[in-house]
């Protein structure tokens, strides 16, 4: 595939095969041992089978689309998905050929992709049209945390509603807001053994002696060494500033060096997430062989180094010691362990887990439509704010699904990151 936009091409025999084989495929390829949805929520989903639906969920990992596929099955319907354009090239294009046949179409990450927007709008405007969008726009890598939300999905919803109302005067688009929580499924003693073994391999690779440090202290110490190594690479002075400050500084240093390697520059006030999205879009366009209008004459000096800097910044796009210290669950420890493995070994993998889904009360965009016509920007902010509040509320409730496996905040005397 050489062209920029890849359209969906649903093939029902393949969908039926995935419906039948879903548990096996989820387990063998994603280490996902099940998706839990309450009976009352399944009934709610079935009642939406013939409605236009805009499905919005948190996006902590790369596997939310397969989880959402299960949601569509519970609804007795099919969803369409936006997927990053580069995904369609994985496996020499085989992945793209498969996912477009189950409803995926391409979008340039972080960019204004007119073909993707047009397709999404058309899908949602059709009778019983259903579209899944993740408003964070990228993975947060933390199940108990969220990245800033983007209103683009809601804007597509209102555009689609305008189109639908032209042919159906009482048309509406229902917004289904979901929160997915991943919970490890192995016994606690097995998980602790696995964490201990993996952390020991990382310590050995970094020439760290664990000494008398407890498990939580060891996590922080490994993080400290990794951060100091990164600071040295980017010629950043090691200071007594907080870990949040130092990680943020290293993150921007990595992003700025990546931009320099591409021959582009950022506004000095641009936040890290905006920088990341621009870099993703620019590199993706370049590698796929079509120019990014914002940077049409790109000539990278060292694309491998650029991508390494981007991956390093992305690995730590959201990370705060208090997140782990205040509630050291197995799930949060594994999140940090996966980051460490990525930095030290260049790869990681999912551990056996299940997905538990919650749903907020469904609402329709039609209730906002008259206000939207009068003040589009204000209403877009109000609606995406409602979606975010719903997801945040469910996230806080879902924190109780997992328990600390070591004593919170217990890192011994004179803790240092």
Protein backbone atom coordinates (compact mmCIF):
# COMPACT_ATOMS: atom_id res chain seq x y z
CA UNK A 1 0.00 0.00 0.00
CA UNK A 2 1.56 3.27 -1.11
CA UNK A 3 -1.33 5.71 -1.05
CA UNK A 4 -2.04 7.82 1.98
CA UNK A 5 -5.62 6.88 2.90
CA UNK A 6 -6.87 3.33 3.43
CA UNK A 7 -10.64 2.92 3.42
CA UNK A 8 -12.59 0.21 5.28
CA UNK A 9 -13.72 -2.84 3.33
CA UNK A 10 -15.77 -4.98 5.71
CA UNK A 11 -16.00 -8.67 4.82
CA UNK A 12 -18.58 -10.51 6.88
CA UNK A 13 -17.13 -14.04 6.58
CA UNK A 14 -13.93 -12.74 8.21
CA UNK A 15 -15.97 -10.97 10.90
CA UNK A 16 -17.88 -14.17 11.61
CA UNK A 17 -14.60 -16.04 11.96
CA UNK A 18 -13.29 -13.45 14.43
CA UNK A 19 -16.57 -13.60 16.36
CA UNK A 20 -16.15 -17.35 16.75
CA UNK A 21 -12.41 -17.34 17.42
CA UNK A 22 -12.28 -14.16 19.55
CA UNK A 23 -11.40 -15.86 22.90
CA UNK A 24 -8.56 -17.84 21.32
CA UNK A 25 -7.20 -14.91 19.30
CA UNK A 26 -7.39 -12.54 22.29
CA UNK A 27 -5.55 -15.01 24.52
CA UNK A 28 -2.84 -16.08 22.09
CA UNK A 29 -2.03 -12.70 20.53
CA UNK A 30 -2.87 -10.19 23.28
CA UNK A 31 -2.67 -12.26 26.49
CA UNK A 32 -6.25 -11.07 27.13
CA UNK A 33 -8.17 -13.74 29.00
CA UNK A 34 -11.61 -12.19 28.82
CA UNK A 35 -13.76 -9.07 28.71
CA UNK A 36 -16.28 -8.52 31.53
CA UNK A 37 -19.47 -6.52 30.97
CA UNK A 38 -22.42 -6.68 33.36
CA UNK A 39 -25.73 -8.11 32.20
CA UNK A 40 -27.42 -4.73 32.64
CA UNK A 41 -24.79 -3.05 30.47
CA UNK A 42 -25.15 -5.77 27.82
CA UNK A 43 -28.89 -5.06 27.78
CA UNK A 44 -28.16 -1.33 27.40
CA UNK A 45 -25.84 -2.05 24.49
CA UNK A 46 -28.39 -4.28 22.74
CA UNK A 47 -30.97 -1.49 22.97
CA UNK A 48 -28.62 0.67 20.88
CA UNK A 49 -28.32 -1.86 18.06
CA UNK A 50 -30.32 0.23 15.60
CA UNK A 51 -29.07 3.65 16.76
CA UNK A 52 -26.26 5.80 15.44
CA UNK A 53 -23.51 5.41 18.05
CA UNK A 54 -20.33 7.34 18.79
CA UNK A 55 -18.34 5.10 21.13
CA UNK A 56 -15.66 6.82 23.25
CA UNK A 57 -13.29 5.10 25.65
CA UNK A 58 -10.06 5.60 27.52
CA UNK A 59 -6.93 4.42 25.69
CA UNK A 60 -4.24 3.17 28.11
CA UNK A 61 -2.79 0.51 25.78
CA UNK A 62 -2.73 -0.55 22.14
CA UNK A 63 -5.47 -3.18 22.53
CA UNK A 64 -8.60 -1.11 23.15
CA UNK A 65 -9.85 -1.70 19.56
CA UNK A 66 -10.04 -5.50 20.11
CA UNK A 67 -11.85 -4.85 23.40
CA UNK A 68 -14.24 -2.51 21.58
CA UNK A 69 -14.80 -5.23 18.97
CA UNK A 70 -16.20 -7.36 21.81
CA UNK A 71 -18.46 -4.46 22.85
CA UNK A 72 -19.83 -4.33 19.29
CA UNK A 73 -20.62 -8.03 19.49
CA UNK A 74 -22.52 -7.47 22.72
CA UNK A 75 -24.49 -4.77 20.92
CA UNK A 76 -25.21 -7.14 18.04
CA UNK A 77 -23.65 -4.70 15.62
CA UNK A 78 -20.40 -3.70 13.92
CA UNK A 79 -18.17 -0.74 14.69
CA UNK A 80 -15.85 1.18 12.41
CA UNK A 81 -12.48 2.25 13.79
CA UNK A 82 -9.85 4.85 13.03
CA UNK A 83 -6.37 3.29 13.06
CA UNK A 84 -2.99 4.96 12.66
CA UNK A 85 -1.94 4.89 9.02
CA UNK A 86 1.36 3.15 9.78
CA UNK A 87 -0.46 0.16 11.32
CA UNK A 88 -1.71 -0.73 7.84
CA UNK A 89 1.90 -1.41 6.78
CA UNK A 90 2.68 -3.87 9.59
CA UNK A 91 3.56 -7.38 8.48
CA UNK A 92 4.26 -6.18 4.93
CA UNK A 93 0.70 -4.86 4.71
CA UNK A 94 -0.98 -8.05 5.93
CA UNK A 95 -2.20 -6.41 9.14
CA UNK A 96 -3.75 -3.59 7.12
CA UNK A 97 -5.55 -6.02 4.83
CA UNK A 98 -7.03 -7.78 7.85
CA UNK A 99 -8.09 -4.82 9.98
CA UNK A 100 -9.71 -2.89 7.12
CA UNK A 101 -11.90 -5.95 6.56
CA UNK A 102 -13.17 -5.74 10.12
CA UNK A 103 -13.98 -2.03 9.87
CA UNK A 104 -10.73 -0.08 10.29
CA UNK A 105 -9.72 2.88 8.18
CA UNK A 106 -6.56 4.91 8.34
CA UNK A 107 -5.89 8.26 9.95
CA UNK A 108 -2.64 10.18 10.16
CA UNK A 109 -1.86 10.45 13.86
CA UNK A 110 -1.94 14.03 15.02
CA UNK A 111 -2.64 15.42 11.58
CA UNK A 112 -5.62 16.92 9.78
CA UNK A 113 -6.58 13.94 7.64
CA UNK A 114 -9.47 15.10 5.48
CA UNK A 115 -10.14 11.66 3.98
CA UNK A 116 -10.35 10.08 7.44
CA UNK A 117 -12.67 12.82 8.69
CA UNK A 118 -14.89 12.54 5.62
CA UNK A 119 -15.11 8.77 6.02
CA UNK A 120 -15.86 8.95 9.75
CA UNK A 121 -18.55 11.56 9.15
CA UNK A 122 -20.15 9.47 6.42
CA UNK A 123 -20.16 6.29 8.55
CA UNK A 124 -21.76 7.98 11.53
CA UNK A 125 -24.40 9.79 9.48
CA UNK A 126 -25.76 6.55 8.02
CA UNK A 127 -28.72 4.88 9.69
CA UNK A 128 -27.42 2.69 12.53
CA UNK A 129 -23.87 3.92 11.81
CA UNK A 130 -21.34 3.22 14.55
CA UNK A 131 -17.89 4.69 15.06
CA UNK A 132 -15.33 4.09 17.83
CA UNK A 133 -12.98 6.96 18.73
CA UNK A 134 -10.47 7.30 21.58
CA UNK A 135 -10.46 10.99 22.60
CA UNK A 136 -7.02 10.89 24.23
CA UNK A 137 -5.61 10.36 20.74
CA UNK A 138 -2.70 8.22 21.95
CA UNK A 139 -1.92 5.63 24.62
CA UNK A 140 -1.32 6.91 28.13
CA UNK A 141 0.48 3.69 29.26
CA UNK A 142 -1.31 4.05 32.62
CA UNK A 143 -4.70 2.50 33.27
CA UNK A 144 -5.41 4.76 36.26
CA UNK A 145 -4.53 7.96 34.44
CA UNK A 146 -5.72 9.94 31.41
CA UNK A 147 -4.11 12.16 28.81
CA UNK A 148 -5.80 15.42 27.74
CA UNK A 149 -8.94 14.86 25.68
CA UNK A 150 -9.42 16.16 22.14
CA UNK A 151 -12.79 17.40 20.91
CA UNK A 152 -12.25 16.20 17.32
CA UNK A 153 -14.39 13.11 17.76
CA UNK A 154 -17.30 15.17 19.09
CA UNK A 155 -16.90 17.58 16.17
CA UNK A 156 -17.19 14.65 13.76
CA UNK A 157 -20.31 13.60 15.64
CA UNK A 158 -21.99 16.98 15.15
CA UNK A 159 -21.01 17.10 11.47
CA UNK A 160 -22.52 13.63 11.02
CA UNK A 161 -25.65 14.70 12.88
CA UNK A 162 -26.05 17.65 10.50
CA UNK A 163 -25.87 15.24 7.57
CA UNK A 164 -28.29 12.77 9.15
CA UNK A 165 -30.87 15.46 9.92
CA UNK A 166 -31.05 16.35 6.23
CA UNK A 167 -32.57 12.95 5.47
CA UNK A 168 -34.08 12.04 8.85
CA UNK A 169 -35.65 14.95 10.79
CA UNK A 170 -35.61 13.14 14.15
CA UNK A 171 -32.08 11.70 13.80
CA UNK A 172 -29.78 11.53 16.80
CA UNK A 173 -26.31 10.19 17.58
CA UNK A 174 -25.94 8.42 20.91
CA UNK A 175 -22.66 8.88 22.76
CA UNK A 176 -21.58 5.72 24.59
CA UNK A 177 -18.84 6.50 27.09
CA UNK A 178 -16.83 3.54 28.37
CA UNK A 179 -13.94 2.91 30.72
CA UNK A 180 -11.80 -0.20 30.40
CA UNK A 181 -9.78 -1.46 33.35
CA UNK A 182 -7.19 -4.21 32.95
CA UNK A 183 -6.74 -6.56 35.88
CA UNK A 184 -4.00 -9.21 36.04
CA UNK A 185 -5.39 -12.71 36.31
CA UNK A 186 -2.53 -14.75 37.79
CA UNK A 187 -2.33 -15.43 41.56
CA UNK A 188 -0.57 -12.74 43.57
CA UNK A 189 2.36 -14.98 44.46
CA UNK A 190 2.94 -15.80 40.79
CA UNK A 191 2.79 -12.12 39.85
CA UNK A 192 5.22 -11.16 42.62
CA UNK A 193 7.65 -13.87 41.50
CA UNK A 194 7.41 -12.65 37.93
CA UNK A 195 7.99 -9.01 38.97
CA UNK A 196 10.99 -10.04 41.06
CA UNK A 197 12.53 -12.02 38.18
CA UNK A 198 11.95 -9.29 35.60
CA UNK A 199 13.23 -6.53 37.86
CA UNK A 200 16.35 -8.59 38.64
CA UNK A 201 17.11 -8.92 34.91
CA UNK A 202 16.80 -5.17 34.50
CA UNK A 203 19.03 -4.51 37.52
CA UNK A 204 21.63 -6.91 36.13
CA UNK A 205 21.57 -5.17 32.76
CA UNK A 206 22.11 -1.82 34.50
CA UNK A 207 24.79 -3.22 36.87
CA UNK A 208 22.62 -2.41 39.90
CA UNK A 209 22.98 -4.32 43.16
CA UNK A 210 19.58 -4.43 44.91
CA UNK A 211 21.15 -4.71 48.34
CA UNK A 212 18.63 -4.39 51.17
CA UNK A 213 16.14 -2.31 49.20
CA UNK A 214 12.56 -3.50 49.30
CA UNK A 215 10.59 -4.04 46.10
CA UNK A 216 9.13 -0.55 45.91
CA UNK A 217 12.48 1.09 46.60
CA UNK A 218 14.08 -1.07 43.90
CA UNK A 219 11.53 0.18 41.35
CA UNK A 220 12.36 3.78 42.23
CA UNK A 221 16.10 3.16 42.18
CA UNK A 222 15.98 1.58 38.72
CA UNK A 223 13.98 4.59 37.56
CA UNK A 224 16.55 6.91 39.05
CA UNK A 225 19.43 5.19 37.25
CA UNK A 226 17.56 5.16 33.93
CA UNK A 227 16.76 8.85 34.31
CA UNK A 228 20.36 9.73 35.14
CA UNK A 229 21.57 7.78 32.10
CA UNK A 230 19.14 9.67 29.89
CA UNK A 231 20.16 13.01 31.43
CA UNK A 232 23.80 12.24 30.66
CA UNK A 233 22.97 11.37 27.06
CA UNK A 234 21.15 14.66 26.56
CA UNK A 235 23.76 16.69 28.48
CA UNK A 236 21.26 17.65 31.17
CA UNK A 237 22.67 18.54 34.60
CA UNK A 238 21.58 16.25 37.42
CA UNK A 239 19.85 18.51 39.92
CA UNK A 240 17.91 18.26 43.17
CA UNK A 241 14.70 19.20 41.39
CA UNK A 242 11.68 16.91 41.66
CA UNK A 243 11.44 13.76 39.59
CA UNK A 244 8.45 15.22 37.69
CA UNK A 245 10.58 18.20 36.66
CA UNK A 246 13.53 16.08 35.62
CA UNK A 247 11.45 13.59 33.63
CA UNK A 248 9.62 16.44 31.92
CA UNK A 249 12.91 18.11 31.06
CA UNK A 250 14.32 14.84 29.64
CA UNK A 251 11.11 14.25 27.70
CA UNK A 252 11.36 17.65 26.01
CA UNK A 253 15.08 17.13 25.36
CA UNK A 254 14.32 13.88 23.54
CA UNK A 255 11.51 15.46 21.52
CA UNK A 256 13.59 18.51 20.63
CA UNK A 257 16.52 16.34 19.50
CA UNK A 258 14.12 14.28 17.37
CA UNK A 259 12.81 17.47 15.78
CA UNK A 260 16.37 18.65 15.15
CA UNK A 261 17.12 15.32 13.46
CA UNK A 262 14.18 15.92 11.14
CA UNK A 263 15.22 19.48 10.45
CA UNK A 264 12.13 21.03 12.02
CA UNK A 265 11.63 23.25 15.05
CA UNK A 266 8.96 23.68 17.72
CA UNK A 267 7.44 26.71 19.31
CA UNK A 268 9.11 27.15 22.70
CA UNK A 269 5.75 26.97 24.50
CA UNK A 270 4.51 23.79 22.81
CA UNK A 271 3.63 21.00 25.26
CA UNK A 272 5.15 17.52 25.03
CA UNK A 273 2.01 15.78 23.76
CA UNK A 274 1.61 18.28 20.90
CA UNK A 275 5.27 17.83 20.00
CA UNK A 276 4.85 14.07 20.05
CA UNK A 277 1.84 14.15 17.74
CA UNK A 278 3.57 16.42 15.25
CA UNK A 279 6.62 14.16 15.20
CA UNK A 280 4.50 11.02 14.73
CA UNK A 281 2.64 12.59 11.83
CA UNK A 282 5.81 13.89 10.20
CA UNK A 283 7.76 10.64 10.47
CA UNK A 284 4.80 8.52 9.43
CA UNK A 285 4.18 10.62 6.32
CA UNK A 286 7.86 10.51 5.38
CA UNK A 287 8.18 6.75 5.80
CA UNK A 288 5.01 6.08 3.81
CA UNK A 289 6.30 8.17 0.93
CA UNK A 290 3.95 11.12 0.85
CA UNK A 291 4.78 14.62 2.09
CA UNK A 292 3.46 16.23 5.22
CA UNK A 293 2.11 19.62 4.04
CA UNK A 294 3.62 21.26 7.08
CA UNK A 295 7.09 19.85 6.33
CA UNK A 296 7.08 18.96 2.60
CA UNK A 297 10.85 18.92 2.09
CA UNK A 298 11.90 16.73 4.96
CA UNK A 299 15.45 15.39 4.93
CA UNK A 300 16.16 13.48 8.15
CA UNK A 301 19.78 13.22 9.23
CA UNK A 302 19.35 9.94 11.13
CA UNK A 303 15.82 8.55 11.12
CA UNK A 304 16.69 5.64 13.42
CA UNK A 305 17.95 8.04 16.08
CA UNK A 306 14.90 10.25 15.62
CA UNK A 307 12.60 7.28 16.22
CA UNK A 308 14.64 6.22 19.24
CA UNK A 309 14.26 9.68 20.77
CA UNK A 310 10.52 9.63 20.05
CA UNK A 311 10.09 6.20 21.62
CA UNK A 312 12.03 7.26 24.70
CA UNK A 313 9.86 10.37 25.16
CA UNK A 314 6.69 8.38 24.51
CA UNK A 315 7.62 5.69 27.04
CA UNK A 316 7.58 8.34 29.74
CA UNK A 317 4.82 10.56 28.35
CA UNK A 318 3.06 10.23 31.72
CA UNK A 319 4.96 9.07 34.79
CA UNK A 320 4.96 10.22 38.40
CA UNK A 321 6.49 8.37 41.39
CA UNK A 322 3.43 9.06 43.55
CA UNK A 323 1.33 7.05 41.07
CA UNK A 324 3.29 3.93 42.01
CA UNK A 325 4.11 4.85 45.62
CA UNK A 326 0.57 5.68 46.71
CA UNK A 327 -0.97 2.48 45.34
CA UNK A 328 1.63 -0.15 44.40
CA UNK A 329 -0.74 -2.64 42.81
CA UNK A 330 0.56 -5.44 40.63
CA UNK A 331 -0.98 -3.66 37.65
CA UNK A 332 0.86 -0.39 38.27
CA UNK A 333 4.11 -2.23 38.91
CA UNK A 334 3.73 -4.08 35.62
CA UNK A 335 3.07 -0.78 33.81
CA UNK A 336 6.38 0.57 35.11
CA UNK A 337 8.15 -2.73 34.46
CA UNK A 338 7.02 -2.67 30.82
CA UNK A 339 8.46 0.84 30.46
CA UNK A 340 11.75 -0.26 31.98
CA UNK A 341 11.91 -3.31 29.70
CA UNK A 342 11.27 -1.14 26.65
CA UNK A 343 14.09 1.24 27.60
CA UNK A 344 16.61 -1.43 28.63
CA UNK A 345 15.86 -4.30 26.25
CA UNK A 346 13.98 -2.56 23.45
CA UNK A 347 10.88 -4.70 23.86
CA UNK A 348 8.23 -5.81 26.34
CA UNK A 349 5.05 -7.87 26.39
CA UNK A 350 1.60 -7.95 27.96
CA UNK A 351 0.99 -10.15 31.00
CA UNK A 352 -2.16 -12.31 31.38
CA UNK A 353 -5.08 -10.06 32.22
CA UNK A 354 -8.77 -9.44 31.72
CA UNK A 355 -10.62 -6.27 30.74
CA UNK A 356 -13.46 -4.99 32.92
CA UNK A 357 -15.74 -2.43 31.27
CA UNK A 358 -17.95 0.23 32.80
CA UNK A 359 -20.38 2.49 30.96
CA UNK A 360 -21.69 5.95 31.80
CA UNK A 361 -25.32 6.90 31.08
CA UNK A 362 -25.84 7.29 27.34
CA UNK A 363 -26.70 10.73 25.98
CA UNK A 364 -27.53 12.09 22.55
CA UNK A 365 -25.82 14.87 20.63
CA UNK A 366 -29.29 16.05 19.58
CA UNK A 367 -29.84 17.58 23.03
CA UNK A 368 -26.94 19.95 22.33
CA UNK A 369 -27.68 20.63 18.68
CA UNK A 370 -29.45 23.98 18.95
CA UNK A 371 -26.75 25.27 21.29
CA UNK A 372 -24.12 23.90 18.91
CA UNK A 373 -25.50 25.91 16.01
CA UNK A 374 -25.30 29.07 18.11
CA UNK A 375 -21.83 28.54 19.62
CA UNK A 376 -19.88 25.60 18.21
CA UNK A 377 -16.66 26.02 20.17
CA UNK A 378 -18.38 26.39 23.53
CA UNK A 379 -20.59 23.33 22.99
CA UNK A 380 -17.72 21.17 21.76
CA UNK A 381 -15.83 21.98 24.95
CA UNK A 382 -18.92 21.28 27.05
CA UNK A 383 -19.61 17.90 25.47
CA UNK A 384 -16.02 16.65 25.51
CA UNK A 385 -15.89 17.88 29.10
CA UNK A 386 -18.90 15.71 29.89
CA UNK A 387 -17.25 12.70 28.26
CA UNK A 388 -14.04 13.29 30.20
CA UNK A 389 -15.88 13.70 33.49
CA UNK A 390 -17.76 10.45 32.87
CA UNK A 391 -14.54 8.56 32.14
CA UNK A 392 -12.74 10.12 35.11
CA UNK A 393 -15.59 9.13 37.43
CA UNK A 394 -15.49 5.54 36.22
CA UNK A 395 -11.69 5.50 36.43
CA UNK A 396 -11.77 6.55 40.09
CA UNK A 397 -14.37 3.89 40.86
CA UNK A 398 -12.33 1.24 39.04
CA UNK A 399 -9.20 1.96 41.10
CA UNK A 400 -10.74 -0.21 43.83
CA UNK A 401 -10.74 -3.23 41.49
CA UNK A 402 -7.07 -3.79 42.31
CA UNK A 403 -5.24 -3.82 45.63
CA UNK A 404 -1.65 -2.94 46.61
CA UNK A 405 0.59 -5.99 46.83
CA UNK A 406 3.22 -4.21 48.95
CA UNK A 407 2.83 -1.51 51.59
CA UNK A 408 2.12 1.91 50.00
CA UNK A 409 4.80 4.61 50.45
CA UNK A 410 7.11 2.10 52.16
CA UNK A 411 10.50 2.77 50.57
CA UNK A 412 12.75 2.83 53.60
CA UNK A 413 14.82 5.73 55.03
CA UNK A 414 16.02 8.66 52.90
CA UNK A 415 14.08 7.76 49.75
CA UNK A 416 15.61 9.02 46.53
CA UNK A 417 14.41 8.53 43.02
